[in-house]
Every structure is written in structure tokens, then in C-alpha cells.
């Protein structure tokens, strides 16, 4: 019988980042972390149920990487993605905008299907394997 030759394992292609940051968003995150009362490793981003459209994006200071966090390094900033939010955030670009009336982070999320009028809550469907 002929011997089976096993092929050398192919190198894995790099995984795409769950979220990316614009330059403005990265600058603002650095500013927020620089003005924080403690040393944090980055910001934690998630999604929670709430608001009139059903879901809201969340931000919190991150002191440590939690089990199953998705760690995103982009433009010199560390963003930790809550594991329950990963499928909702795949492909999202986080921007920071300042208008005459407000300054805020803006999520340009391809999985978002609706938003309330005030922009505080959204409807998001999980990314599919397609």
C-alpha cells in the first residue's frame, strides 16, 4: 500500500478585525484614556438590550482582558469586544463626530437594520456565515 503523505499545514490567514477605528475615534479614545483616573488597558465595547429600537452600544473602561474577549488593536488603541457582541459588531467602523450640538462615537455597522430617531438605540442582526 502506498503511504499517505500529509501536506504541511497552510499558514492561517489573519482574521479580520471585528471593528476598526477612524483616526478621529482613535484620537478620542487616547484622550479619554489619558484623562482617566486610573490606568486602563483600553475600552470595552458591547451591545445590550435596551432603548426604543431594542439594543444599545456600550462603552466601559477595561482594566484587564476577560476570558473570550476579542482584542482589537487599531491605530495604537486597544478595544476589547464583549464576546456576546462579536457577531453584532463584525465589520463595524467606529468614528467620532463633533457637531454644533453634540460630540459622540458613531458606529457604522453593516449589521444594523434600524435606529431610533434620537440615535441612542439600534436594531442589529448578527452577522451570518455568508
N, C-alpha and C. Protein backbone atom coordinates (compact mmCIF):
# COMPACT_ATOMS: atom_id res chain seq x y z
N UNK A 1 0.82 -1.19 0.00
CA UNK A 1 0.00 0.00 0.00
C UNK A 1 0.87 1.25 0.00
N UNK A 2 0.41 2.23 -0.70
CA UNK A 2 1.16 3.48 -0.76
C UNK A 2 0.97 4.25 0.53
N UNK A 3 2.04 4.89 0.92
CA UNK A 3 1.95 5.70 2.13
C UNK A 3 1.25 7.02 1.82
N UNK A 4 0.43 7.44 2.76
CA UNK A 4 -0.23 8.74 2.62
C UNK A 4 0.74 9.83 3.04
N UNK A 5 0.87 10.79 2.20
CA UNK A 5 1.71 11.91 2.56
C UNK A 5 0.82 13.02 3.08
N UNK A 6 1.20 13.55 4.19
CA UNK A 6 0.42 14.65 4.74
C UNK A 6 1.05 15.96 4.30
N UNK A 7 0.21 16.80 3.84
CA UNK A 7 0.69 18.12 3.41
C UNK A 7 1.03 18.97 4.63
N UNK A 8 2.00 19.80 4.44
CA UNK A 8 2.34 20.72 5.52
C UNK A 8 1.15 21.64 5.76
N UNK A 9 0.86 21.93 7.01
CA UNK A 9 -0.28 22.81 7.27
C UNK A 9 -0.05 24.18 6.64
N UNK A 10 -1.11 24.68 6.03
CA UNK A 10 -1.02 26.01 5.44
C UNK A 10 -1.07 27.06 6.53
N UNK A 11 -0.33 28.13 6.34
CA UNK A 11 -0.43 29.20 7.35
C UNK A 11 -1.84 29.78 7.32
N UNK A 12 -2.33 30.08 8.49
CA UNK A 12 -3.67 30.67 8.60
C UNK A 12 -3.61 32.12 8.16
N UNK A 13 -4.63 32.53 7.44
CA UNK A 13 -4.68 33.93 7.05
C UNK A 13 -5.11 34.74 8.27
N UNK A 14 -4.64 35.96 8.36
CA UNK A 14 -5.02 36.77 9.52
C UNK A 14 -6.53 36.99 9.56
N UNK A 15 -7.07 36.92 10.76
CA UNK A 15 -8.51 37.18 10.91
C UNK A 15 -8.76 38.67 10.77
N UNK A 16 -9.85 39.02 10.09
CA UNK A 16 -10.17 40.45 10.03
C UNK A 16 -10.56 40.97 11.41
N UNK A 17 -10.33 42.24 11.63
CA UNK A 17 -10.70 42.85 12.90
C UNK A 17 -12.22 42.95 12.98
N UNK A 18 -12.76 42.72 14.17
CA UNK A 18 -14.20 42.84 14.37
C UNK A 18 -14.64 44.27 14.14
N UNK A 19 -13.88 45.22 14.69
CA UNK A 19 -14.17 46.64 14.49
C UNK A 19 -12.88 47.33 14.08
N UNK A 20 -13.04 48.45 13.39
CA UNK A 20 -11.91 49.32 13.08
C UNK A 20 -12.27 50.71 13.59
N UNK A 21 -11.26 51.52 13.79
CA UNK A 21 -11.46 52.88 14.27
C UNK A 21 -10.98 53.87 13.21
N UNK A 22 -11.70 54.97 13.08
CA UNK A 22 -11.20 56.06 12.27
C UNK A 22 -10.12 56.77 13.07
N UNK A 23 -9.37 57.63 12.42
CA UNK A 23 -8.34 58.40 13.13
C UNK A 23 -8.97 59.24 14.24
N UNK A 24 -10.13 59.86 13.96
CA UNK A 24 -10.80 60.68 14.98
C UNK A 24 -11.21 59.85 16.19
N UNK A 25 -11.73 58.65 15.95
CA UNK A 25 -12.14 57.79 17.06
C UNK A 25 -10.93 57.35 17.88
N UNK A 26 -9.86 56.97 17.21
CA UNK A 26 -8.65 56.56 17.92
C UNK A 26 -8.09 57.71 18.75
N UNK A 27 -8.07 58.91 18.19
CA UNK A 27 -7.59 60.07 18.94
C UNK A 27 -8.45 60.31 20.18
N UNK A 28 -9.76 60.19 20.03
CA UNK A 28 -10.66 60.43 21.17
C UNK A 28 -10.50 59.36 22.23
N UNK A 29 -10.32 58.10 21.84
CA UNK A 29 -10.09 57.03 22.82
C UNK A 29 -8.81 57.30 23.58
N UNK A 30 -7.74 57.69 22.87
CA UNK A 30 -6.49 58.02 23.56
C UNK A 30 -6.69 59.17 24.54
N UNK A 31 -7.45 60.17 24.14
CA UNK A 31 -7.73 61.31 25.02
C UNK A 31 -8.51 60.86 26.26
N UNK A 32 -9.53 60.06 26.06
CA UNK A 32 -10.34 59.56 27.19
C UNK A 32 -9.48 58.75 28.15
N UNK A 33 -8.68 57.84 27.61
CA UNK A 33 -7.83 57.01 28.47
C UNK A 33 -6.75 57.84 29.15
N UNK A 34 -6.24 58.86 28.47
CA UNK A 34 -5.23 59.74 29.05
C UNK A 34 -5.76 60.58 30.19
N UNK A 35 -7.07 60.88 30.17
CA UNK A 35 -7.69 61.69 31.22
C UNK A 35 -8.35 60.86 32.31
N UNK A 36 -8.29 59.53 32.18
CA UNK A 36 -8.93 58.65 33.16
C UNK A 36 -8.19 58.72 34.49
N UNK A 37 -8.92 58.43 35.56
CA UNK A 37 -8.35 58.48 36.90
C UNK A 37 -7.42 57.31 37.21
N UNK A 38 -7.54 56.23 36.45
CA UNK A 38 -6.70 55.05 36.64
C UNK A 38 -6.06 54.70 35.30
N UNK A 39 -5.10 53.79 35.36
CA UNK A 39 -4.51 53.26 34.13
C UNK A 39 -5.38 52.11 33.64
N UNK A 40 -5.97 52.28 32.48
CA UNK A 40 -6.78 51.23 31.87
C UNK A 40 -6.06 50.73 30.64
N UNK A 41 -6.32 49.48 30.26
CA UNK A 41 -5.65 48.92 29.09
C UNK A 41 -6.36 49.31 27.79
N UNK A 42 -7.60 49.75 27.90
CA UNK A 42 -8.35 50.14 26.71
C UNK A 42 -9.81 50.35 27.04
N UNK A 43 -10.62 50.36 26.00
CA UNK A 43 -12.06 50.49 26.16
C UNK A 43 -12.74 49.17 25.81
N UNK A 44 -13.78 48.82 26.55
CA UNK A 44 -14.59 47.65 26.27
C UNK A 44 -15.85 48.11 25.55
N UNK A 45 -16.13 47.47 24.42
CA UNK A 45 -17.30 47.78 23.61
C UNK A 45 -18.23 46.58 23.62
N UNK A 46 -19.53 46.86 23.77
CA UNK A 46 -20.50 45.78 23.77
C UNK A 46 -21.83 46.25 23.23
N UNK A 47 -22.79 45.36 23.31
CA UNK A 47 -24.16 45.64 22.90
C UNK A 47 -25.06 45.10 24.00
N UNK A 48 -26.06 45.90 24.39
CA UNK A 48 -27.01 45.42 25.40
C UNK A 48 -28.43 45.69 24.92
N UNK A 49 -29.36 44.95 25.48
CA UNK A 49 -30.77 45.18 25.16
C UNK A 49 -31.23 46.45 25.84
N UNK A 50 -31.97 47.27 25.10
CA UNK A 50 -32.50 48.50 25.69
C UNK A 50 -32.86 49.50 24.61
N UNK A 51 -33.48 50.57 25.02
CA UNK A 51 -33.86 51.63 24.10
C UNK A 51 -35.07 51.26 23.27
N UNK A 52 -35.58 52.23 22.56
CA UNK A 52 -36.82 52.00 21.81
C UNK A 52 -36.60 51.15 20.56
N UNK A 53 -35.38 51.05 20.05
CA UNK A 53 -35.12 50.22 18.88
C UNK A 53 -34.66 48.82 19.25
N UNK A 54 -34.41 48.58 20.55
CA UNK A 54 -34.11 47.22 21.00
C UNK A 54 -32.72 46.97 21.54
N UNK A 55 -31.69 47.68 21.04
CA UNK A 55 -30.33 47.45 21.50
C UNK A 55 -29.57 48.77 21.58
N UNK A 56 -28.54 48.77 22.42
CA UNK A 56 -27.70 49.95 22.58
C UNK A 56 -26.25 49.52 22.60
N UNK A 57 -25.39 50.34 22.02
CA UNK A 57 -23.95 50.12 22.11
C UNK A 57 -23.49 50.56 23.49
N UNK A 58 -22.49 49.86 24.04
CA UNK A 58 -21.97 50.22 25.35
C UNK A 58 -20.46 50.45 25.27
N UNK A 59 -19.99 51.32 26.13
CA UNK A 59 -18.56 51.60 26.31
C UNK A 59 -18.26 51.53 27.80
N UNK A 60 -17.11 50.99 28.13
CA UNK A 60 -16.65 50.99 29.52
C UNK A 60 -15.13 50.94 29.52
N UNK A 61 -14.53 51.41 30.59
CA UNK A 61 -13.09 51.27 30.74
C UNK A 61 -12.77 49.79 30.93
N UNK A 62 -11.65 49.35 30.40
CA UNK A 62 -11.22 47.96 30.56
C UNK A 62 -9.94 47.93 31.38
N UNK A 63 -10.01 47.20 32.51
CA UNK A 63 -8.83 47.06 33.36
C UNK A 63 -8.01 45.83 32.99
N UNK A 64 -8.67 44.81 32.43
CA UNK A 64 -7.99 43.57 32.07
C UNK A 64 -8.77 42.88 30.96
N UNK A 65 -8.08 42.01 30.26
CA UNK A 65 -8.74 41.21 29.23
C UNK A 65 -9.49 40.09 29.95
N UNK A 66 -10.77 39.99 29.67
CA UNK A 66 -11.61 38.95 30.26
C UNK A 66 -11.58 37.71 29.35
N UNK A 67 -11.87 36.54 29.92
CA UNK A 67 -11.91 35.34 29.08
C UNK A 67 -12.88 35.55 27.90
N UNK A 68 -12.44 35.14 26.73
CA UNK A 68 -13.22 35.18 25.49
C UNK A 68 -13.38 36.58 24.89
N UNK A 69 -12.80 37.62 25.49
CA UNK A 69 -12.82 38.94 24.86
C UNK A 69 -12.12 38.87 23.51
N UNK A 70 -12.63 39.60 22.56
CA UNK A 70 -11.95 39.79 21.28
C UNK A 70 -11.12 41.05 21.45
N UNK A 71 -9.82 40.94 21.30
CA UNK A 71 -8.92 42.08 21.48
C UNK A 71 -8.59 42.66 20.12
N UNK A 72 -8.90 43.93 19.94
CA UNK A 72 -8.64 44.62 18.68
C UNK A 72 -7.63 45.73 18.96
N UNK A 73 -6.52 45.68 18.24
CA UNK A 73 -5.52 46.75 18.29
C UNK A 73 -5.64 47.50 16.98
N UNK A 74 -5.97 48.77 17.04
CA UNK A 74 -6.12 49.56 15.82
C UNK A 74 -5.65 50.98 16.08
N UNK A 75 -4.74 51.44 15.27
CA UNK A 75 -4.21 52.81 15.35
C UNK A 75 -3.66 53.15 16.74
N UNK A 76 -3.02 52.15 17.37
CA UNK A 76 -2.41 52.37 18.66
C UNK A 76 -3.37 52.34 19.83
N UNK A 77 -4.59 51.88 19.61
CA UNK A 77 -5.62 51.84 20.64
C UNK A 77 -6.08 50.39 20.84
N UNK A 78 -6.33 50.02 22.09
CA UNK A 78 -6.84 48.69 22.39
C UNK A 78 -8.33 48.78 22.67
N UNK A 79 -9.09 47.98 21.93
CA UNK A 79 -10.53 47.88 22.12
C UNK A 79 -10.84 46.43 22.41
N UNK A 80 -11.53 46.19 23.52
CA UNK A 80 -11.95 44.83 23.88
C UNK A 80 -13.42 44.68 23.54
N UNK A 81 -13.74 43.63 22.80
CA UNK A 81 -15.11 43.39 22.39
C UNK A 81 -15.70 42.30 23.27
N UNK A 82 -16.81 42.62 23.92
CA UNK A 82 -17.54 41.65 24.72
C UNK A 82 -17.86 40.46 23.83
N UNK A 83 -17.60 39.23 24.29
CA UNK A 83 -17.82 38.06 23.42
C UNK A 83 -19.27 37.93 22.93
N UNK A 84 -20.23 38.40 23.71
CA UNK A 84 -21.63 38.32 23.29
C UNK A 84 -21.95 39.32 22.18
N UNK A 85 -21.07 40.28 21.95
CA UNK A 85 -21.33 41.33 20.96
C UNK A 85 -20.61 41.11 19.64
N UNK A 86 -19.70 40.15 19.57
CA UNK A 86 -18.86 39.99 18.39
C UNK A 86 -19.69 39.85 17.11
N UNK A 87 -20.66 38.96 17.10
CA UNK A 87 -21.44 38.74 15.87
C UNK A 87 -22.27 39.96 15.48
N UNK A 88 -22.59 40.81 16.45
CA UNK A 88 -23.34 42.02 16.15
C UNK A 88 -22.45 43.14 15.60
N UNK A 89 -21.14 43.04 15.87
CA UNK A 89 -20.23 44.14 15.52
C UNK A 89 -19.30 43.85 14.35
N UNK A 90 -19.29 42.64 13.82
CA UNK A 90 -18.37 42.31 12.73
C UNK A 90 -18.51 43.31 11.59
N UNK A 91 -17.39 43.88 11.20
CA UNK A 91 -17.37 44.82 10.08
C UNK A 91 -17.68 46.26 10.44
N UNK A 92 -17.81 46.56 11.73
CA UNK A 92 -18.18 47.90 12.16
C UNK A 92 -16.98 48.85 12.16
N UNK A 93 -17.20 50.04 11.69
CA UNK A 93 -16.22 51.12 11.80
C UNK A 93 -16.73 52.09 12.85
N UNK A 94 -15.89 52.36 13.84
CA UNK A 94 -16.24 53.31 14.89
C UNK A 94 -15.61 54.65 14.54
N UNK A 95 -16.44 55.69 14.49
CA UNK A 95 -15.99 57.04 14.18
C UNK A 95 -16.32 57.93 15.38
N UNK A 96 -15.78 59.12 15.39
CA UNK A 96 -16.11 60.11 16.40
C UNK A 96 -16.44 61.39 15.67
N UNK A 97 -17.63 61.93 15.94
CA UNK A 97 -18.02 63.15 15.25
C UNK A 97 -18.41 64.23 16.24
N UNK A 98 -18.12 65.45 15.85
CA UNK A 98 -18.48 66.61 16.64
C UNK A 98 -19.32 67.53 15.76
N UNK A 99 -20.52 67.84 16.25
CA UNK A 99 -21.39 68.78 15.55
C UNK A 99 -21.60 69.98 16.46
N UNK A 100 -22.41 70.90 16.01
CA UNK A 100 -22.68 72.09 16.84
C UNK A 100 -23.40 71.74 18.13
N UNK A 101 -24.14 70.62 18.13
CA UNK A 101 -24.95 70.27 19.29
C UNK A 101 -24.42 69.10 20.10
N UNK A 102 -23.53 68.30 19.54
CA UNK A 102 -23.08 67.14 20.30
C UNK A 102 -21.75 66.61 19.78
N UNK A 103 -21.13 65.80 20.61
CA UNK A 103 -19.94 65.04 20.24
C UNK A 103 -20.21 63.61 20.66
N UNK A 104 -19.94 62.65 19.75
CA UNK A 104 -20.28 61.26 20.09
C UNK A 104 -19.54 60.30 19.19
N UNK A 105 -19.43 59.06 19.68
CA UNK A 105 -18.94 57.97 18.86
C UNK A 105 -20.10 57.53 17.97
N UNK A 106 -19.76 57.22 16.73
CA UNK A 106 -20.75 56.78 15.75
C UNK A 106 -20.32 55.40 15.25
N UNK A 107 -21.25 54.46 15.27
CA UNK A 107 -20.99 53.11 14.80
C UNK A 107 -21.54 52.95 13.39
N UNK A 108 -20.66 52.78 12.42
CA UNK A 108 -21.07 52.49 11.05
C UNK A 108 -21.06 50.97 10.92
N UNK A 109 -22.21 50.37 11.23
CA UNK A 109 -22.33 48.93 11.40
C UNK A 109 -23.16 48.33 10.26
N UNK A 110 -22.55 47.45 9.45
CA UNK A 110 -23.31 46.84 8.35
C UNK A 110 -24.41 45.89 8.83
N UNK A 111 -24.38 45.50 10.09
CA UNK A 111 -25.39 44.60 10.65
C UNK A 111 -26.57 45.34 11.25
N UNK A 112 -26.48 46.65 11.31
CA UNK A 112 -27.56 47.48 11.88
C UNK A 112 -28.66 47.63 10.85
N UNK A 113 -29.89 47.33 11.26
CA UNK A 113 -31.02 47.40 10.33
C UNK A 113 -31.95 48.57 10.60
N UNK A 114 -31.85 49.18 11.78
CA UNK A 114 -32.76 50.27 12.13
C UNK A 114 -32.15 51.04 13.30
N UNK A 115 -32.63 52.27 13.49
CA UNK A 115 -32.20 53.08 14.64
C UNK A 115 -33.38 53.95 15.05
N UNK A 116 -33.40 54.31 16.32
CA UNK A 116 -34.46 55.20 16.78
C UNK A 116 -34.16 56.63 16.31
N UNK A 117 -35.12 57.49 16.44
CA UNK A 117 -34.98 58.86 15.97
C UNK A 117 -33.88 59.65 16.66
N UNK A 118 -33.64 59.38 17.94
CA UNK A 118 -32.61 60.14 18.66
C UNK A 118 -31.22 59.55 18.46
N UNK A 119 -31.14 58.35 17.88
CA UNK A 119 -29.85 57.74 17.61
C UNK A 119 -29.22 57.03 18.79
N UNK A 120 -29.95 56.87 19.88
CA UNK A 120 -29.39 56.22 21.06
C UNK A 120 -29.54 54.70 21.05
N UNK A 121 -30.50 54.19 20.31
CA UNK A 121 -30.66 52.74 20.26
C UNK A 121 -30.81 52.29 18.81
N UNK A 122 -30.51 51.01 18.58
CA UNK A 122 -30.45 50.46 17.24
C UNK A 122 -31.06 49.07 17.23
N UNK A 123 -31.32 48.58 16.03
CA UNK A 123 -31.68 47.19 15.83
C UNK A 123 -30.54 46.58 15.03
N UNK A 124 -29.97 45.48 15.54
CA UNK A 124 -28.83 44.85 14.91
C UNK A 124 -29.14 43.37 14.75
N UNK A 125 -28.80 42.82 13.59
CA UNK A 125 -28.91 41.38 13.39
C UNK A 125 -27.51 40.80 13.43
N UNK A 126 -27.32 39.61 13.98
CA UNK A 126 -25.98 39.02 14.00
C UNK A 126 -25.49 38.76 12.57
N UNK A 127 -24.20 38.87 12.39
CA UNK A 127 -23.60 38.58 11.08
C UNK A 127 -23.80 37.12 10.77
N UNK A 128 -24.01 36.81 9.51
CA UNK A 128 -24.17 35.42 9.10
C UNK A 128 -22.87 34.90 8.53
N UNK A 129 -22.81 33.61 8.30
CA UNK A 129 -21.59 32.99 7.79
C UNK A 129 -21.44 33.17 6.29
N UNK A 130 -22.36 33.84 5.64
CA UNK A 130 -22.30 34.01 4.18
C UNK A 130 -21.12 34.83 3.76
